[in-house]
C-alpha atoms as a PDB file:
ATOM      1  CA  UNK A   1     -14.529  78.896  59.057  1.00  0.00           C
ATOM      2  CA  UNK A   2     -16.866  75.911  59.343  1.00  0.00           C
ATOM      3  CA  UNK A   3     -18.959  77.057  56.387  1.00  0.00           C
ATOM      4  CA  UNK A   4     -16.252  78.930  54.435  1.00  0.00           C
ATOM      5  CA  UNK A   5     -13.799  76.033  54.083  1.00  0.00           C
ATOM      6  CA  UNK A   6     -16.145  73.739  52.118  1.00  0.00           C
ATOM      7  CA  UNK A   7     -16.976  76.595  49.740  1.00  0.00           C
ATOM      8  CA  UNK A   8     -13.322  77.534  49.233  1.00  0.00           C
ATOM      9  CA  UNK A   9     -12.430  73.863  48.784  1.00  0.00           C
ATOM     10  CA  UNK A  10     -15.048  73.619  46.044  1.00  0.00           C
ATOM     11  CA  UNK A  11     -14.286  76.875  44.220  1.00  0.00           C
ATOM     12  CA  UNK A  12     -10.514  77.173  44.580  1.00  0.00           C
ATOM     13  CA  UNK A  13      -9.079  74.115  46.340  1.00  0.00           C
ATOM     14  CA  UNK A  14      -5.519  75.293  45.670  1.00  0.00           C
ATOM     15  CA  UNK A  15      -5.814  77.957  48.388  1.00  0.00           C
ATOM     16  CA  UNK A  16      -4.176  76.406  51.409  1.00  0.00           C
ATOM     17  CA  UNK A  17      -5.364  76.957  54.994  1.00  0.00           C
ATOM     18  CA  UNK A  18      -2.581  79.483  55.712  1.00  0.00           C
ATOM     19  CA  UNK A  19      -3.985  81.793  53.056  1.00  0.00           C
ATOM     20  CA  UNK A  20      -7.569  81.901  54.279  1.00  0.00           C
ATOM     21  CA  UNK A  21      -8.871  84.547  56.632  1.00  0.00           C
ATOM     22  CA  UNK A  22     -11.720  83.952  59.086  1.00  0.00           C
ATOM     23  CA  UNK A  23     -13.458  85.948  61.790  1.00  0.00           C
ATOM     24  CA  UNK A  24     -11.014  84.700  64.424  1.00  0.00           C
ATOM     25  CA  UNK A  25      -8.209  86.233  62.316  1.00  0.00           C
ATOM     26  CA  UNK A  26      -9.784  89.684  62.410  1.00  0.00           C
ATOM     27  CA  UNK A  27      -8.839  92.883  64.145  1.00  0.00           C
ATOM     28  CA  UNK A  28     -11.416  95.221  65.639  1.00  0.00           C
ATOM     29  CA  UNK A  29     -10.973  98.887  64.764  1.00  0.00           C
ATOM     30  CA  UNK A  30     -13.459 101.470  66.067  1.00  0.00           C
ATOM     31  CA  UNK A  31     -15.991  98.701  66.633  1.00  0.00           C
ATOM     32  CA  UNK A  32     -15.679  97.380  63.068  1.00  0.00           C
ATOM     33  CA  UNK A  33     -14.374  93.977  62.080  1.00  0.00           C
ATOM     34  CA  UNK A  34     -11.241  94.319  59.943  1.00  0.00           C
ATOM     35  CA  UNK A  35      -9.894  91.488  57.871  1.00  0.00           C
ATOM     36  CA  UNK A  36      -6.418  92.866  57.333  1.00  0.00           C
ATOM     37  CA  UNK A  37      -5.307  91.515  53.988  1.00  0.00           C
ATOM     38  CA  UNK A  38      -1.777  92.711  54.669  1.00  0.00           C
ATOM     39  CA  UNK A  39      -1.502  89.751  57.071  1.00  0.00           C
ATOM     40  CA  UNK A  40      -0.873  87.525  54.052  1.00  0.00           C
ATOM     41  CA  UNK A  41       2.291  89.451  53.213  1.00  0.00           C
ATOM     42  CA  UNK A  42       1.408  89.242  49.530  1.00  0.00           C
ATOM     43  CA  UNK A  43       1.014  91.870  46.880  1.00  0.00           C
ATOM     44  CA  UNK A  44      -2.598  93.073  47.051  1.00  0.00           C
ATOM     45  CA  UNK A  45      -2.787  92.908  43.246  1.00  0.00           C
ATOM     46  CA  UNK A  46      -3.553  89.182  43.646  1.00  0.00           C
ATOM     47  CA  UNK A  47      -5.572  89.109  46.882  1.00  0.00           C
ATOM     48  CA  UNK A  48      -9.368  88.726  46.856  1.00  0.00           C
ATOM     49  CA  UNK A  49     -11.679  88.866  49.859  1.00  0.00           C
ATOM     50  CA  UNK A  50     -15.192  87.504  49.363  1.00  0.00           C
ATOM     51  CA  UNK A  51     -17.362  88.494  52.287  1.00  0.00           C
ATOM     52  CA  UNK A  52     -20.984  88.790  53.323  1.00  0.00           C
ATOM     53  CA  UNK A  53     -20.164  91.530  55.839  1.00  0.00           C
ATOM     54  CA  UNK A  54     -20.432  94.974  54.253  1.00  0.00           C
ATOM     55  CA  UNK A  55     -18.256  96.692  56.889  1.00  0.00           C
ATOM     56  CA  UNK A  56     -15.196  94.944  55.442  1.00  0.00           C
ATOM     57  CA  UNK A  57     -15.541  97.277  52.449  1.00  0.00           C
ATOM     58  CA  UNK A  58     -14.189 100.135  54.515  1.00  0.00           C
ATOM     59  CA  UNK A  59     -10.714  98.659  54.679  1.00  0.00           C
ATOM     60  CA  UNK A  60      -9.973  97.036  51.297  1.00  0.00           C
ATOM     61  CA  UNK A  61     -12.776  97.955  48.891  1.00  0.00           C
ATOM     62  CA  UNK A  62     -10.879  97.170  45.690  1.00  0.00           C
ATOM     63  CA  UNK A  63     -10.005  93.689  46.941  1.00  0.00           C
ATOM     64  CA  UNK A  64     -13.427  92.874  48.394  1.00  0.00           C
ATOM     65  CA  UNK A  65     -16.323  91.218  46.622  1.00  0.00           C
ATOM     66  CA  UNK A  66     -19.418  91.652  48.733  1.00  0.00           C
ATOM     67  CA  UNK A  67     -22.019  88.890  48.559  1.00  0.00           C
ATOM     68  CA  UNK A  68     -25.352  88.480  50.272  1.00  0.00           C
ATOM     69  CA  UNK A  69     -25.406  85.983  53.130  1.00  0.00           C
ATOM     70  CA  UNK A  70     -26.523  82.521  52.108  1.00  0.00           C
ATOM     71  CA  UNK A  71     -29.245  80.848  54.152  1.00  0.00           C
ATOM     72  CA  UNK A  72     -29.765  77.450  52.552  1.00  0.00           C
ATOM     73  CA  UNK A  73     -31.659  78.797  49.539  1.00  0.00           C
ATOM     74  CA  UNK A  74     -31.661  76.077  46.849  1.00  0.00           C
ATOM     75  CA  UNK A  75     -32.526  78.707  44.201  1.00  0.00           C
ATOM     76  CA  UNK A  76     -29.501  80.884  44.961  1.00  0.00           C
ATOM     77  CA  UNK A  77     -27.369  81.001  41.807  1.00  0.00           C
ATOM     78  CA  UNK A  78     -24.987  83.828  42.796  1.00  0.00           C
ATOM     79  CA  UNK A  79     -21.947  81.561  42.832  1.00  0.00           C
ATOM     80  CA  UNK A  80     -22.237  80.314  39.286  1.00  0.00           C
ATOM     81  CA  UNK A  81     -24.013  83.245  37.665  1.00  0.00           C
ATOM     82  CA  UNK A  82     -22.029  86.175  39.063  1.00  0.00           C
ATOM     83  CA  UNK A  83     -19.166  85.152  41.303  1.00  0.00           C
ATOM     84  CA  UNK A  84     -17.585  82.453  39.146  1.00  0.00           C
ATOM     85  CA  UNK A  85     -17.247  84.648  35.990  1.00  0.00           C
ATOM     86  CA  UNK A  86     -15.856  87.471  38.122  1.00  0.00           C
ATOM     87  CA  UNK A  87     -13.247  85.158  39.668  1.00  0.00           C
ATOM     88  CA  UNK A  88     -12.272  83.905  36.200  1.00  0.00           C
ATOM     89  CA  UNK A  89     -11.673  87.521  35.099  1.00  0.00           C
ATOM     90  CA  UNK A  90      -9.567  88.078  38.215  1.00  0.00           C
ATOM     91  CA  UNK A  91      -7.551  84.938  37.510  1.00  0.00           C
ATOM     92  CA  UNK A  92      -6.445  86.350  34.149  1.00  0.00           C
ATOM     93  CA  UNK A  93      -5.731  89.860  35.462  1.00  0.00           C
ATOM     94  CA  UNK A  94      -2.403  91.269  36.552  1.00  0.00           C
ATOM     95  CA  UNK A  95      -4.239  93.326  39.187  1.00  0.00           C
ATOM     96  CA  UNK A  96      -7.582  92.119  40.574  1.00  0.00           C
ATOM     97  CA  UNK A  97      -8.320  95.518  42.112  1.00  0.00           C
ATOM     98  CA  UNK A  98      -9.320  97.065  38.795  1.00  0.00           C
ATOM     99  CA  UNK A  99     -11.775  94.270  38.050  1.00  0.00           C
ATOM    100  CA  UNK A 100     -13.232  94.190  41.556  1.00  0.00           C
ATOM    101  CA  UNK A 101     -13.345  97.991  41.722  1.00  0.00           C
ATOM    102  CA  UNK A 102     -15.286  98.120  38.432  1.00  0.00           C
ATOM    103  CA  UNK A 103     -17.618  95.366  39.678  1.00  0.00           C
ATOM    104  CA  UNK A 104     -18.226  97.145  42.986  1.00  0.00           C
ATOM    105  CA  UNK A 105     -18.903 100.428  41.192  1.00  0.00           C
ATOM    106  CA  UNK A 106     -21.418  98.858  38.830  1.00  0.00           C
ATOM    107  CA  UNK A 107     -23.118  96.941  41.661  1.00  0.00           C
ATOM    108  CA  UNK A 108     -23.487  99.995  43.898  1.00  0.00           C
ATOM    109  CA  UNK A 109     -24.210 102.629  41.251  1.00  0.00           C
ATOM    110  CA  UNK A 110     -26.928 100.737  39.436  1.00  0.00           C
ATOM    111  CA  UNK A 111     -24.937 100.765  36.202  1.00  0.00           C
ATOM    112  CA  UNK A 112     -24.578  97.735  34.023  1.00  0.00           C
ATOM    113  CA  UNK A 113     -21.692  95.433  34.871  1.00  0.00           C
ATOM    114  CA  UNK A 114     -18.686  95.258  32.563  1.00  0.00           C
END
């Protein structure tokens, strides 16, 4: 939470604290960390999880954007180059799962992104 809040505040400050999920909000299922997006009690068509933990993919793959962990690399441009345009597409969509699902497929299959 200590490093996620400043990032969320910068990218999408309109997301209030009650609609943010952190490690202390997780469940553990079969030894895996599960960020249960159903906890928000919102339609999953408009819920996005951005995470640097790949095991989260197992539970909500079409809502999850996987990013590499950030370790104070001043040359890291993932946020502006890849993540920001993807979030803008999601903002305009009626269902983010199609956009994120296509993104995940292209990222993990080696095919060009849409």
